[in-house]
Amino acid sequence: MFRMPCQARKNWQQLANEFGFHFHTMHGEPYWDESAYYQFSLRQIEQDIEDPSAELHQMCLHVVDKVVNSEALLTQCQIPQPHWDLIASSWREKQPSLYSRLDLVYDGKSPAKL
């Protein structure tokens, strides 16, 4: 992994807004930084980032399966009871839409970690 310096695009704020990223600037300072990018090898992408990400995703799906099949866990997770049947039906029909953001740390040497 290499950190590569670069020039920020002149219209980066406009582009960020067009993609729905409206908090690109916070407290008068840029939150989004375009002064550099990171270059990865294919091995780093596939083994160090994609593989751990896929494993974490499967772990999340495993937890969802446990929660969907347990009224106690649905309650503990504060899932509103009127939605339980819809969630269970969606899960049984193999519509496991799971949206999340998991921030990983990666040092360029070992697999990314949560």
PDB file of N, CA and C in Angstrom:
ATOM      1  N   MET A   1       0.851  -1.166   0.000  1.00  0.00           N
ATOM      2  CA  MET A   1       0.000   0.000   0.000  1.00  0.00           C
ATOM      3  C   MET A   1       0.896   1.227   0.000  1.00  0.00           C
ATOM      4  N   PHE A   2       0.603   2.133  -0.904  1.00  0.00           N
ATOM      5  CA  PHE A   2       1.372   3.372  -0.993  1.00  0.00           C
ATOM      6  C   PHE A   2       0.425   4.565  -0.912  1.00  0.00           C
ATOM      7  N   ARG A   3       0.826   5.575  -0.168  1.00  0.00           N
ATOM      8  CA  ARG A   3       0.077   6.836  -0.121  1.00  0.00           C
ATOM      9  C   ARG A   3       0.638   7.721  -1.221  1.00  0.00           C
ATOM     10  N   MET A   4      -0.227   8.105  -2.152  1.00  0.00           N
ATOM     11  CA  MET A   4       0.189   8.865  -3.322  1.00  0.00           C
ATOM     12  C   MET A   4      -0.378  10.285  -3.247  1.00  0.00           C
ATOM     13  N   PRO A   5       0.492  11.298  -3.159  1.00  0.00           N
ATOM     14  CA  PRO A   5      -0.014  12.673  -3.144  1.00  0.00           C
ATOM     15  C   PRO A   5      -0.596  13.048  -4.505  1.00  0.00           C
ATOM     16  N   CYS A   6      -1.598  13.916  -4.489  1.00  0.00           N
ATOM     17  CA  CYS A   6      -2.221  14.364  -5.735  1.00  0.00           C
ATOM     18  C   CYS A   6      -2.884  15.723  -5.519  1.00  0.00           C
ATOM     19  N   GLN A   7      -3.261  16.349  -6.612  1.00  0.00           N
ATOM     20  CA  GLN A   7      -3.970  17.625  -6.558  1.00  0.00           C
ATOM     21  C   GLN A   7      -5.466  17.359  -6.383  1.00  0.00           C
ATOM     22  N   ALA A   8      -6.082  18.097  -5.488  1.00  0.00           N
ATOM     23  CA  ALA A   8      -7.531  17.977  -5.310  1.00  0.00           C
ATOM     24  C   ALA A   8      -8.242  18.503  -6.548  1.00  0.00           C
ATOM     25  N   ARG A   9      -9.342  17.863  -6.906  1.00  0.00           N
ATOM     26  CA  ARG A   9     -10.147  18.351  -8.026  1.00  0.00           C
ATOM     27  C   ARG A   9     -10.739  19.708  -7.658  1.00  0.00           C
ATOM     28  N   LYS A  10     -10.783  20.615  -8.612  1.00  0.00           N
ATOM     29  CA  LYS A  10     -11.284  21.962  -8.342  1.00  0.00           C
ATOM     30  C   LYS A  10     -12.752  21.950  -7.949  1.00  0.00           C
ATOM     31  N   ASN A  11     -13.510  21.012  -8.472  1.00  0.00           N
ATOM     32  CA  ASN A  11     -14.951  20.955  -8.197  1.00  0.00           C
ATOM     33  C   ASN A  11     -15.316  19.831  -7.227  1.00  0.00           C
ATOM     34  N   TRP A  12     -14.395  19.453  -6.342  1.00  0.00           N
ATOM     35  CA  TRP A  12     -14.633  18.304  -5.477  1.00  0.00           C
ATOM     36  C   TRP A  12     -15.852  18.495  -4.576  1.00  0.00           C
ATOM     37  N   GLN A  13     -16.106  19.712  -4.099  1.00  0.00           N
ATOM     38  CA  GLN A  13     -17.264  19.936  -3.231  1.00  0.00           C
ATOM     39  C   GLN A  13     -18.570  19.759  -4.006  1.00  0.00           C
ATOM     40  N   GLN A  14     -18.613  20.255  -5.228  1.00  0.00           N
ATOM     41  CA  GLN A  14     -19.796  20.098  -6.072  1.00  0.00           C
ATOM     42  C   GLN A  14     -20.044  18.618  -6.358  1.00  0.00           C
ATOM     43  N   LEU A  15     -18.990  17.887  -6.696  1.00  0.00           N
ATOM     44  CA  LEU A  15     -19.136  16.454  -6.963  1.00  0.00           C
ATOM     45  C   LEU A  15     -19.621  15.713  -5.721  1.00  0.00           C
ATOM     46  N   ALA A  16     -19.067  16.061  -4.572  1.00  0.00           N
ATOM     47  CA  ALA A  16     -19.493  15.423  -3.324  1.00  0.00           C
ATOM     48  C   ALA A  16     -20.985  15.662  -3.102  1.00  0.00           C
ATOM     49  N   ASN A  17     -21.427  16.887  -3.293  1.00  0.00           N
ATOM     50  CA  ASN A  17     -22.849  17.206  -3.134  1.00  0.00           C
ATOM     51  C   ASN A  17     -23.715  16.423  -4.111  1.00  0.00           C
ATOM     52  N   GLU A  18     -23.273  16.304  -5.358  1.00  0.00           N
ATOM     53  CA  GLU A  18     -24.043  15.573  -6.371  1.00  0.00           C
ATOM     54  C   GLU A  18     -24.230  14.105  -5.996  1.00  0.00           C
ATOM     55  N   PHE A  19     -23.269  13.546  -5.261  1.00  0.00           N
ATOM     56  CA  PHE A  19     -23.362  12.150  -4.827  1.00  0.00           C
ATOM     57  C   PHE A  19     -24.006  12.006  -3.448  1.00  0.00           C
ATOM     58  N   GLY A  20     -24.533  13.111  -2.914  1.00  0.00           N
ATOM     59  CA  GLY A  20     -25.221  13.045  -1.629  1.00  0.00           C
ATOM     60  C   GLY A  20     -24.310  13.127  -0.426  1.00  0.00           C
ATOM     61  N   PHE A  21     -23.053  13.436  -0.641  1.00  0.00           N
ATOM     62  CA  PHE A  21     -22.084  13.544   0.460  1.00  0.00           C
ATOM     63  C   PHE A  21     -22.015  15.016   0.874  1.00  0.00           C
ATOM     64  N   HIS A  22     -22.953  15.415   1.743  1.00  0.00           N
ATOM     65  CA  HIS A  22     -23.114  16.825   2.076  1.00  0.00           C
ATOM     66  C   HIS A  22     -22.289  17.275   3.279  1.00  0.00           C
ATOM     67  N   PHE A  23     -21.632  16.367   3.960  1.00  0.00           N
ATOM     68  CA  PHE A  23     -20.818  16.787   5.111  1.00  0.00           C
ATOM     69  C   PHE A  23     -19.332  16.742   4.766  1.00  0.00           C
ATOM     70  N   HIS A  24     -19.001  17.131   3.539  1.00  0.00           N
ATOM     71  CA  HIS A  24     -17.611  17.159   3.074  1.00  0.00           C
ATOM     72  C   HIS A  24     -16.794  18.231   3.782  1.00  0.00           C
ATOM     73  N   THR A  25     -17.481  19.214   4.357  1.00  0.00           N
ATOM     74  CA  THR A  25     -16.817  20.281   5.108  1.00  0.00           C
ATOM     75  C   THR A  25     -17.514  20.389   6.455  1.00  0.00           C
ATOM     76  N   MET A  26     -16.725  20.376   7.524  1.00  0.00           N
ATOM     77  CA  MET A  26     -17.294  20.469   8.870  1.00  0.00           C
ATOM     78  C   MET A  26     -16.541  21.535   9.652  1.00  0.00           C
ATOM     79  N   HIS A  27     -17.295  22.421  10.270  1.00  0.00           N
ATOM     80  CA  HIS A  27     -16.714  23.485  11.101  1.00  0.00           C
ATOM     81  C   HIS A  27     -15.720  24.326  10.302  1.00  0.00           C
ATOM     82  N   GLY A  28     -16.038  24.540   9.023  1.00  0.00           N
ATOM     83  CA  GLY A  28     -15.192  25.368   8.172  1.00  0.00           C
ATOM     84  C   GLY A  28     -13.937  24.691   7.652  1.00  0.00           C
ATOM     85  N   GLU A  29     -13.754  23.432   7.985  1.00  0.00           N
ATOM     86  CA  GLU A  29     -12.576  22.675   7.545  1.00  0.00           C
ATOM     87  C   GLU A  29     -13.017  21.505   6.673  1.00  0.00           C
ATOM     88  N   PRO A  30     -12.233  21.178   5.643  1.00  0.00           N
ATOM     89  CA  PRO A  30     -12.599  20.014   4.816  1.00  0.00           C
ATOM     90  C   PRO A  30     -12.571  18.719   5.632  1.00  0.00           C
ATOM     91  N   TYR A  31     -13.649  17.957   5.539  1.00  0.00           N
ATOM     92  CA  TYR A  31     -13.700  16.629   6.144  1.00  0.00           C
ATOM     93  C   TYR A  31     -13.187  15.610   5.132  1.00  0.00           C
ATOM     94  N   TRP A  32     -13.520  15.826   3.870  1.00  0.00           N
ATOM     95  CA  TRP A  32     -13.068  14.984   2.769  1.00  0.00           C
ATOM     96  C   TRP A  32     -11.727  15.520   2.299  1.00  0.00           C
ATOM     97  N   ASP A  33     -10.748  14.649   2.161  1.00  0.00           N
ATOM     98  CA  ASP A  33      -9.398  15.085   1.792  1.00  0.00           C
ATOM     99  C   ASP A  33      -8.997  14.453   0.466  1.00  0.00           C
ATOM    100  N   GLU A  34      -8.751  15.286  -0.514  1.00  0.00           N
ATOM    101  CA  GLU A  34      -8.346  14.800  -1.831  1.00  0.00           C
ATOM    102  C   GLU A  34      -6.877  15.072  -2.113  1.00  0.00           C
ATOM    103  N   SER A  35      -6.085  15.317  -1.093  1.00  0.00           N
ATOM    104  CA  SER A  35      -4.671  15.626  -1.322  1.00  0.00           C
ATOM    105  C   SER A  35      -3.826  14.371  -1.524  1.00  0.00           C
ATOM    106  N   ALA A  36      -4.439  13.200  -1.359  1.00  0.00           N
ATOM    107  CA  ALA A  36      -3.709  11.938  -1.542  1.00  0.00           C
ATOM    108  C   ALA A  36      -4.710  10.810  -1.775  1.00  0.00           C
ATOM    109  N   TYR A  37      -4.210   9.736  -2.367  1.00  0.00           N
ATOM    110  CA  TYR A  37      -4.988   8.510  -2.495  1.00  0.00           C
ATOM    111  C   TYR A  37      -4.064   7.348  -2.150  1.00  0.00           C
ATOM    112  N   TYR A  38      -4.658   6.173  -1.939  1.00  0.00           N
ATOM    113  CA  TYR A  38      -3.869   4.993  -1.601  1.00  0.00           C
ATOM    114  C   TYR A  38      -3.884   4.016  -2.760  1.00  0.00           C
ATOM    115  N   GLN A  39      -2.719   3.479  -3.056  1.00  0.00           N
ATOM    116  CA  GLN A  39      -2.559   2.507  -4.137  1.00  0.00           C
ATOM    117  C   GLN A  39      -2.310   1.141  -3.508  1.00  0.00           C
ATOM    118  N   PHE A  40      -3.101   0.144  -3.933  1.00  0.00           N
ATOM    119  CA  PHE A  40      -3.010  -1.201  -3.381  1.00  0.00           C
ATOM    120  C   PHE A  40      -2.604  -2.186  -4.466  1.00  0.00           C
ATOM    121  N   SER A  41      -1.994  -3.275  -4.046  1.00  0.00           N
ATOM    122  CA  SER A  41      -1.744  -4.378  -4.977  1.00  0.00           C
ATOM    123  C   SER A  41      -3.015  -5.228  -5.058  1.00  0.00           C
ATOM    124  N   LEU A  42      -3.123  -6.037  -6.103  1.00  0.00           N
ATOM    125  CA  LEU A  42      -4.277  -6.915  -6.248  1.00  0.00           C
ATOM    126  C   LEU A  42      -4.365  -7.871  -5.062  1.00  0.00           C
ATOM    127  N   ARG A  43      -3.230  -8.396  -4.603  1.00  0.00           N
ATOM    128  CA  ARG A  43      -3.228  -9.296  -3.448  1.00  0.00           C
ATOM    129  C   ARG A  43      -3.774  -8.591  -2.210  1.00  0.00           C
ATOM    130  N   GLN A  44      -3.369  -7.349  -1.991  1.00  0.00           N
ATOM    131  CA  GLN A  44      -3.868  -6.605  -0.835  1.00  0.00           C
ATOM    132  C   GLN A  44      -5.385  -6.438  -0.911  1.00  0.00           C
ATOM    133  N   ILE A  45      -5.877  -6.102  -2.097  1.00  0.00           N
ATOM    134  CA  ILE A  45      -7.324  -5.925  -2.264  1.00  0.00           C
ATOM    135  C   ILE A  45      -8.060  -7.233  -2.000  1.00  0.00           C
ATOM    136  N   GLU A  46      -7.627  -8.307  -2.664  1.00  0.00           N
ATOM    137  CA  GLU A  46      -8.358  -9.569  -2.579  1.00  0.00           C
ATOM    138  C   GLU A  46      -8.209 -10.258  -1.230  1.00  0.00           C
ATOM    139  N   GLN A  47      -6.992 -10.346  -0.717  1.00  0.00           N
ATOM    140  CA  GLN A  47      -6.753 -11.122   0.499  1.00  0.00           C
ATOM    141  C   GLN A  47      -6.868 -10.297   1.777  1.00  0.00           C
ATOM    142  N   ASP A  48      -6.377  -9.082   1.744  1.00  0.00           N
ATOM    143  CA  ASP A  48      -6.308  -8.302   2.981  1.00  0.00           C
ATOM    144  C   ASP A  48      -7.536  -7.432   3.222  1.00  0.00           C
ATOM    145  N   ILE A  49      -8.296  -7.131   2.169  1.00  0.00           N
ATOM    146  CA  ILE A  49      -9.464  -6.266   2.340  1.00  0.00           C
ATOM    147  C   ILE A  49     -10.761  -7.010   2.003  1.00  0.00           C
ATOM    148  N   GLU A  50     -10.840  -7.610   0.812  1.00  0.00           N
ATOM    149  CA  GLU A  50     -12.080  -8.287   0.414  1.00  0.00           C
ATOM    150  C   GLU A  50     -12.371  -9.518   1.266  1.00  0.00           C
ATOM    151  N   ASP A  51     -11.372 -10.350   1.525  1.00  0.00           N
ATOM    152  CA  ASP A  51     -11.611 -11.570   2.308  1.00  0.00           C
ATOM    153  C   ASP A  51     -12.103 -11.260   3.723  1.00  0.00           C
ATOM    154  N   PRO A  52     -11.424 -10.382   4.483  1.00  0.00           N
ATOM    155  CA  PRO A  52     -11.947 -10.054   5.812  1.00  0.00           C
ATOM    156  C   PRO A  52     -13.326  -9.382   5.753  1.00  0.00           C
ATOM    157  N   SER A  53     -13.560  -8.565   4.729  1.00  0.00           N
ATOM    158  CA  SER A  53     -14.869  -7.917   4.581  1.00  0.00           C
ATOM    159  C   SER A  53     -15.959  -8.956   4.347  1.00  0.00           C
ATOM    160  N   ALA A  54     -15.684  -9.935   3.492  1.00  0.00           N
ATOM    161  CA  ALA A  54     -16.655 -11.003   3.223  1.00  0.00           C
ATOM    162  C   ALA A  54     -16.915 -11.825   4.485  1.00  0.00           C
ATOM    163  N   GLU A  55     -15.864 -12.083   5.248  1.00  0.00           N
ATOM    164  CA  GLU A  55     -16.029 -12.840   6.493  1.00  0.00           C
ATOM    165  C   GLU A  55     -16.900 -12.069   7.484  1.00  0.00           C
ATOM    166  N   LEU A  56     -16.664 -10.777   7.627  1.00  0.00           N
ATOM    167  CA  LEU A  56     -17.485  -9.953   8.517  1.00  0.00           C
ATOM    168  C   LEU A  56     -18.935  -9.919   8.049  1.00  0.00           C
ATOM    169  N   HIS A  57     -19.141  -9.829   6.739  1.00  0.00           N
ATOM    170  CA  HIS A  57     -20.500  -9.824   6.197  1.00  0.00           C
ATOM    171  C   HIS A  57     -21.215 -11.134   6.539  1.00  0.00           C
ATOM    172  N   GLN A  58     -20.530 -12.260   6.373  1.00  0.00           N
ATOM    173  CA  GLN A  58     -21.132 -13.553   6.706  1.00  0.00           C
ATOM    174  C   GLN A  58     -21.445 -13.648   8.198  1.00  0.00           C
ATOM    175  N   MET A  59     -20.581 -13.095   9.026  1.00  0.00           N
ATOM    176  CA  MET A  59     -20.834 -13.084  10.471  1.00  0.00           C
ATOM    177  C   MET A  59     -22.093 -12.270  10.779  1.00  0.00           C
ATOM    178  N   CYS A  60     -22.259 -11.144  10.091  1.00  0.00           N
ATOM    179  CA  CYS A  60     -23.459 -10.319  10.279  1.00  0.00           C
ATOM    180  C   CYS A  60     -24.709 -11.086   9.863  1.00  0.00           C
ATOM    181  N   LEU A  61     -24.638 -11.775   8.728  1.00  0.00           N
ATOM    182  CA  LEU A  61     -25.784 -12.556   8.270  1.00  0.00           C
ATOM    183  C   LEU A  61     -26.123 -13.667   9.259  1.00  0.00           C
ATOM    184  N   HIS A  62     -25.119 -14.265   9.861  1.00  0.00           N
ATOM    185  CA  HIS A  62     -25.339 -15.304  10.874  1.00  0.00           C
ATOM    186  C   HIS A  62     -26.089 -14.717  12.072  1.00  0.00           C
ATOM    187  N   VAL A  63     -25.677 -13.533  12.494  1.00  0.00           N
ATOM    188  CA  VAL A  63     -26.350 -12.873  13.620  1.00  0.00           C
ATOM    189  C   VAL A  63     -27.795 -12.540  13.246  1.00  0.00           C
ATOM    190  N   VAL A  64     -27.998 -12.032  12.034  1.00  0.00           N
ATOM    191  CA  VAL A  64     -29.357 -11.709  11.591  1.00  0.00           C
ATOM    192  C   VAL A  64     -30.233 -12.958  11.637  1.00  0.00           C
ATOM    193  N   ASP A  65     -29.705 -14.091  11.201  1.00  0.00           N
ATOM    194  CA  ASP A  65     -30.472 -15.335  11.227  1.00  0.00           C
ATOM    195  C   ASP A  65     -30.896 -15.681  12.649  1.00  0.00           C
ATOM    196  N   LYS A  66     -29.984 -15.510  13.589  1.00  0.00           N
ATOM    197  CA  LYS A  66     -30.319 -15.791  14.996  1.00  0.00           C
ATOM    198  C   LYS A  66     -31.393 -14.836  15.504  1.00  0.00           C
ATOM    199  N   VAL A  67     -31.233 -13.550  15.186  1.00  0.00           N
ATOM    200  CA  VAL A  67     -32.178 -12.541  15.678  1.00  0.00           C
ATOM    201  C   VAL A  67     -33.563 -12.758  15.070  1.00  0.00           C
ATOM    202  N   VAL A  68     -33.624 -12.974  13.760  1.00  0.00           N
ATOM    203  CA  VAL A  68     -34.910 -13.138  13.071  1.00  0.00           C
ATOM    204  C   VAL A  68     -35.693 -14.317  13.632  1.00  0.00           C
ATOM    205  N   ASN A  69     -35.002 -15.308  14.129  1.00  0.00           N
ATOM    206  CA  ASN A  69     -35.659 -16.513  14.633  1.00  0.00           C
ATOM    207  C   ASN A  69     -35.832 -16.521  16.144  1.00  0.00           C
ATOM    208  N   SER A  70     -35.721 -15.359  16.772  1.00  0.00           N
ATOM    209  CA  SER A  70     -35.854 -15.296  18.224  1.00  0.00           C
ATOM    210  C   SER A  70     -36.606 -14.032  18.635  1.00  0.00           C
ATOM    211  N   GLU A  71     -37.797 -14.217  19.211  1.00  0.00           N
ATOM    212  CA  GLU A  71     -38.550 -13.054  19.686  1.00  0.00           C
ATOM    213  C   GLU A  71     -37.776 -12.304  20.762  1.00  0.00           C
ATOM    214  N   ALA A  72     -37.061 -13.034  21.593  1.00  0.00           N
ATOM    215  CA  ALA A  72     -36.280 -12.387  22.652  1.00  0.00           C
ATOM    216  C   ALA A  72     -35.203 -11.482  22.053  1.00  0.00           C
ATOM    217  N   LEU A  73     -34.516 -11.971  21.012  1.00  0.00           N
ATOM    218  CA  LEU A  73     -33.464 -11.160  20.392  1.00  0.00           C
ATOM    219  C   LEU A  73     -34.047 -10.006  19.577  1.00  0.00           C
ATOM    220  N   LEU A  74     -35.178 -10.229  18.922  1.00  0.00           N
ATOM    221  CA  LEU A  74     -35.839  -9.131  18.214  1.00  0.00           C
ATOM    222  C   LEU A  74     -36.193  -8.018  19.198  1.00  0.00           C
ATOM    223  N   THR A  75     -36.684  -8.408  20.360  1.00  0.00           N
ATOM    224  CA  THR A  75     -37.018  -7.432  21.403  1.00  0.00           C
ATOM    225  C   THR A  75     -35.765  -6.748  21.914  1.00  0.00           C
ATOM    226  N   GLN A  76     -34.734  -7.533  22.189  1.00  0.00           N
ATOM    227  CA  GLN A  76     -33.476  -6.974  22.702  1.00  0.00           C
ATOM    228  C   GLN A  76     -32.853  -5.989  21.708  1.00  0.00           C
ATOM    229  N   CYS A  77     -32.995  -6.269  20.427  1.00  0.00           N
ATOM    230  CA  CYS A  77     -32.461  -5.375  19.388  1.00  0.00           C
ATOM    231  C   CYS A  77     -33.401  -4.206  19.096  1.00  0.00           C
ATOM    232  N   GLN A  78     -34.499  -4.147  19.823  1.00  0.00           N
ATOM    233  CA  GLN A  78     -35.482  -3.067  19.703  1.00  0.00           C
ATOM    234  C   GLN A  78     -36.076  -2.959  18.299  1.00  0.00           C
ATOM    235  N   ILE A  79     -36.288  -4.118  17.685  1.00  0.00           N
ATOM    236  CA  ILE A  79     -36.988  -4.164  16.401  1.00  0.00           C
ATOM    237  C   ILE A  79     -38.482  -4.053  16.720  1.00  0.00           C
ATOM    238  N   PRO A  80     -39.181  -3.084  16.160  1.00  0.00           N
ATOM    239  CA  PRO A  80     -40.609  -2.935  16.464  1.00  0.00           C
ATOM    240  C   PRO A  80     -41.397  -4.194  16.080  1.00  0.00           C
ATOM    241  N   GLN A  81     -42.194  -4.690  17.007  1.00  0.00           N
ATOM    242  CA  GLN A  81     -42.939  -5.928  16.795  1.00  0.00           C
ATOM    243  C   GLN A  81     -43.798  -5.911  15.527  1.00  0.00           C
ATOM    244  N   PRO A  82     -44.407  -4.792  15.137  1.00  0.00           N
ATOM    245  CA  PRO A  82     -45.199  -4.817  13.898  1.00  0.00           C
ATOM    246  C   PRO A  82     -44.384  -5.169  12.642  1.00  0.00           C
ATOM    247  N   HIS A  83     -43.075  -5.095  12.721  1.00  0.00           N
ATOM    248  CA  HIS A  83     -42.227  -5.384  11.555  1.00  0.00           C
ATOM    249  C   HIS A  83     -41.651  -6.805  11.557  1.00  0.00           C
ATOM    250  N   TRP A  84     -41.854  -7.543  12.633  1.00  0.00           N
ATOM    251  CA  TRP A  84     -41.240  -8.864  12.756  1.00  0.00           C
ATOM    252  C   TRP A  84     -41.611  -9.790  11.594  1.00  0.00           C
ATOM    253  N   ASP A  85     -42.886  -9.868  11.260  1.00  0.00           N
ATOM    254  CA  ASP A  85     -43.315 -10.789  10.197  1.00  0.00           C
ATOM    255  C   ASP A  85     -42.719 -10.399   8.849  1.00  0.00           C
ATOM    256  N   LEU A  86     -42.701  -9.116   8.553  1.00  0.00           N
ATOM    257  CA  LEU A  86     -42.133  -8.649   7.290  1.00  0.00           C
ATOM    258  C   LEU A  86     -40.642  -8.981   7.212  1.00  0.00           C
ATOM    259  N   ILE A  87     -39.936  -8.760   8.306  1.00  0.00           N
ATOM    260  CA  ILE A  87     -38.500  -9.053   8.352  1.00  0.00           C
ATOM    261  C   ILE A  87     -38.262 -10.552   8.185  1.00  0.00           C
ATOM    262  N   ALA A  88     -39.023 -11.361   8.914  1.00  0.00           N
ATOM    263  CA  ALA A  88     -38.859 -12.820   8.831  1.00  0.00           C
ATOM    264  C   ALA A  88     -39.187 -13.321   7.428  1.00  0.00           C
ATOM    265  N   SER A  89     -40.231 -12.791   6.829  1.00  0.00           N
ATOM    266  CA  SER A  89     -40.613 -13.189   5.473  1.00  0.00           C
ATOM    267  C   SER A  89     -39.516 -12.827   4.474  1.00  0.00           C
ATOM    268  N   SER A  90     -38.998 -11.637   4.580  1.00  0.00           N
ATOM    269  CA  SER A  90     -37.917 -11.192   3.698  1.00  0.00           C
ATOM    270  C   SER A  90     -36.699 -12.096   3.859  1.00  0.00           C
ATOM    271  N   TRP A  91     -36.401 -12.457   5.088  1.00  0.00           N
ATOM    272  CA  TRP A  91     -35.245 -13.310   5.365  1.00  0.00           C
ATOM    273  C   TRP A  91     -35.445 -14.699   4.762  1.00  0.00           C
ATOM    274  N   ARG A  92     -36.631 -15.278   4.955  1.00  0.00           N
ATOM    275  CA  ARG A  92     -36.921 -16.617   4.417  1.00  0.00           C
ATOM    276  C   ARG A  92     -36.886 -16.630   2.891  1.00  0.00           C
ATOM    277  N   GLU A  93     -37.251 -15.510   2.267  1.00  0.00           N
ATOM    278  CA  GLU A  93     -37.259 -15.418   0.811  1.00  0.00           C
ATOM    279  C   GLU A  93     -35.883 -15.075   0.243  1.00  0.00           C
ATOM    280  N   LYS A  94     -34.883 -15.138   1.094  1.00  0.00           N
ATOM    281  CA  LYS A  94     -33.491 -14.892   0.677  1.00  0.00           C
ATOM    282  C   LYS A  94     -33.299 -13.481   0.116  1.00  0.00           C
ATOM    283  N   GLN A  95     -33.873 -12.530   0.810  1.00  0.00           N
ATOM    284  CA  GLN A  95     -33.674 -11.121   0.470  1.00  0.00           C
ATOM    285  C   GLN A  95     -32.870 -10.469   1.601  1.00  0.00           C
ATOM    286  N   PRO A  96     -31.659 -10.955   1.817  1.00  0.00           N
ATOM    287  CA  PRO A  96     -30.898 -10.494   2.986  1.00  0.00           C
ATOM    288  C   PRO A  96     -30.232  -9.133   2.777  1.00  0.00           C
ATOM    289  N   SER A  97     -31.035  -8.147   2.462  1.00  0.00           N
ATOM    290  CA  SER A  97     -30.473  -6.813   2.284  1.00  0.00           C
ATOM    291  C   SER A  97     -29.979  -6.313   3.634  1.00  0.00           C
ATOM    292  N   LEU A  98     -28.709  -6.105   3.716  1.00  0.00           N
ATOM    293  CA  LEU A  98     -28.115  -5.641   4.963  1.00  0.00           C
ATOM    294  C   LEU A  98     -27.216  -4.470   4.623  1.00  0.00           C
ATOM    295  N   TYR A  99     -27.584  -3.311   5.101  1.00  0.00           N
ATOM    296  CA  TYR A  99     -26.787  -2.121   4.849  1.00  0.00           C
ATOM    297  C   TYR A  99     -26.053  -1.781   6.124  1.00  0.00           C
ATOM    298  N   SER A 100     -24.771  -1.596   5.991  1.00  0.00           N
ATOM    299  CA  SER A 100     -23.990  -1.242   7.177  1.00  0.00           C
ATOM    300  C   SER A 100     -22.714  -0.547   6.746  1.00  0.00           C
ATOM    301  N   ARG A 101     -22.095   0.047   7.703  1.00  0.00           N
ATOM    302  CA  ARG A 101     -20.770   0.620   7.490  1.00  0.00           C
ATOM    303  C   ARG A 101     -19.887   0.058   8.589  1.00  0.00           C
ATOM    304  N   LEU A 102     -18.860  -0.607   8.175  1.00  0.00           N
ATOM    305  CA  LEU A 102     -17.889  -1.145   9.112  1.00  0.00           C
ATOM    306  C   LEU A 102     -16.548  -0.493   8.807  1.00  0.00           C
ATOM    307  N   ASP A 103     -16.024   0.242   9.745  1.00  0.00           N
ATOM    308  CA  ASP A 103     -14.728   0.885   9.545  1.00  0.00           C
ATOM    309  C   ASP A 103     -13.627  -0.096   9.933  1.00  0.00           C
ATOM    310  N   LEU A 104     -12.758  -0.366   8.982  1.00  0.00           N
ATOM    311  CA  LEU A 104     -11.664  -1.301   9.194  1.00  0.00           C
ATOM    312  C   LEU A 104     -10.351  -0.539   9.266  1.00  0.00           C
ATOM    313  N   VAL A 105      -9.411  -1.109   9.987  1.00  0.00           N
ATOM    314  CA  VAL A 105      -8.058  -0.553  10.022  1.00  0.00           C
ATOM    315  C   VAL A 105      -7.176  -1.470   9.182  1.00  0.00           C
ATOM    316  N   TYR A 106      -6.321  -0.854   8.384  1.00  0.00           N
ATOM    317  CA  TYR A 106      -5.455  -1.631   7.506  1.00  0.00           C
ATOM    318  C   TYR A 106      -4.080  -0.988   7.478  1.00  0.00           C
ATOM    319  N   ASP A 107      -3.059  -1.795   7.761  1.00  0.00           N
ATOM    320  CA  ASP A 107      -1.688  -1.271   7.811  1.00  0.00           C
ATOM    321  C   ASP A 107      -0.884  -1.573   6.547  1.00  0.00           C
ATOM    322  N   GLY A 108      -1.492  -2.254   5.576  1.00  0.00           N
ATOM    323  CA  GLY A 108      -0.790  -2.587   4.344  1.00  0.00           C
ATOM    324  C   GLY A 108       0.059  -3.834   4.453  1.00  0.00           C
ATOM    325  N   LYS A 109       0.077  -4.462   5.630  1.00  0.00           N
ATOM    326  CA  LYS A 109       0.917  -5.646   5.842  1.00  0.00           C
ATOM    327  C   LYS A 109       0.119  -6.881   6.236  1.00  0.00           C
ATOM    328  N   SER A 110      -0.915  -6.681   7.031  1.00  0.00           N
ATOM    329  CA  SER A 110      -1.711  -7.808   7.509  1.00  0.00           C
ATOM    330  C   SER A 110      -3.178  -7.545   7.171  1.00  0.00           C
ATOM    331  N   PRO A 111      -4.029  -8.577   7.244  1.00  0.00           N
ATOM    332  CA  PRO A 111      -5.431  -8.392   6.874  1.00  0.00           C
ATOM    333  C   PRO A 111      -6.103  -7.265   7.663  1.00  0.00           C
ATOM    334  N   ALA A 112      -7.033  -6.593   7.003  1.00  0.00           N
ATOM    335  CA  ALA A 112      -7.784  -5.511   7.642  1.00  0.00           C
ATOM    336  C   ALA A 112      -8.534  -6.058   8.851  1.00  0.00           C
ATOM    337  N   LYS A 113      -8.672  -5.213   9.857  1.00  0.00           N
ATOM    338  CA  LYS A 113      -9.342  -5.612  11.103  1.00  0.00           C
ATOM    339  C   LYS A 113     -10.445  -4.611  11.428  1.00  0.00           C
ATOM    340  N   LEU A 114     -11.481  -5.114  12.084  1.00  0.00           N
ATOM    341  CA  LEU A 114     -12.590  -4.279  12.515  1.00  0.00           C
ATOM    342  C   LEU A 114     -12.167  -3.420  13.686  1.00  0.00           C
TER     343      LEU A 114
END
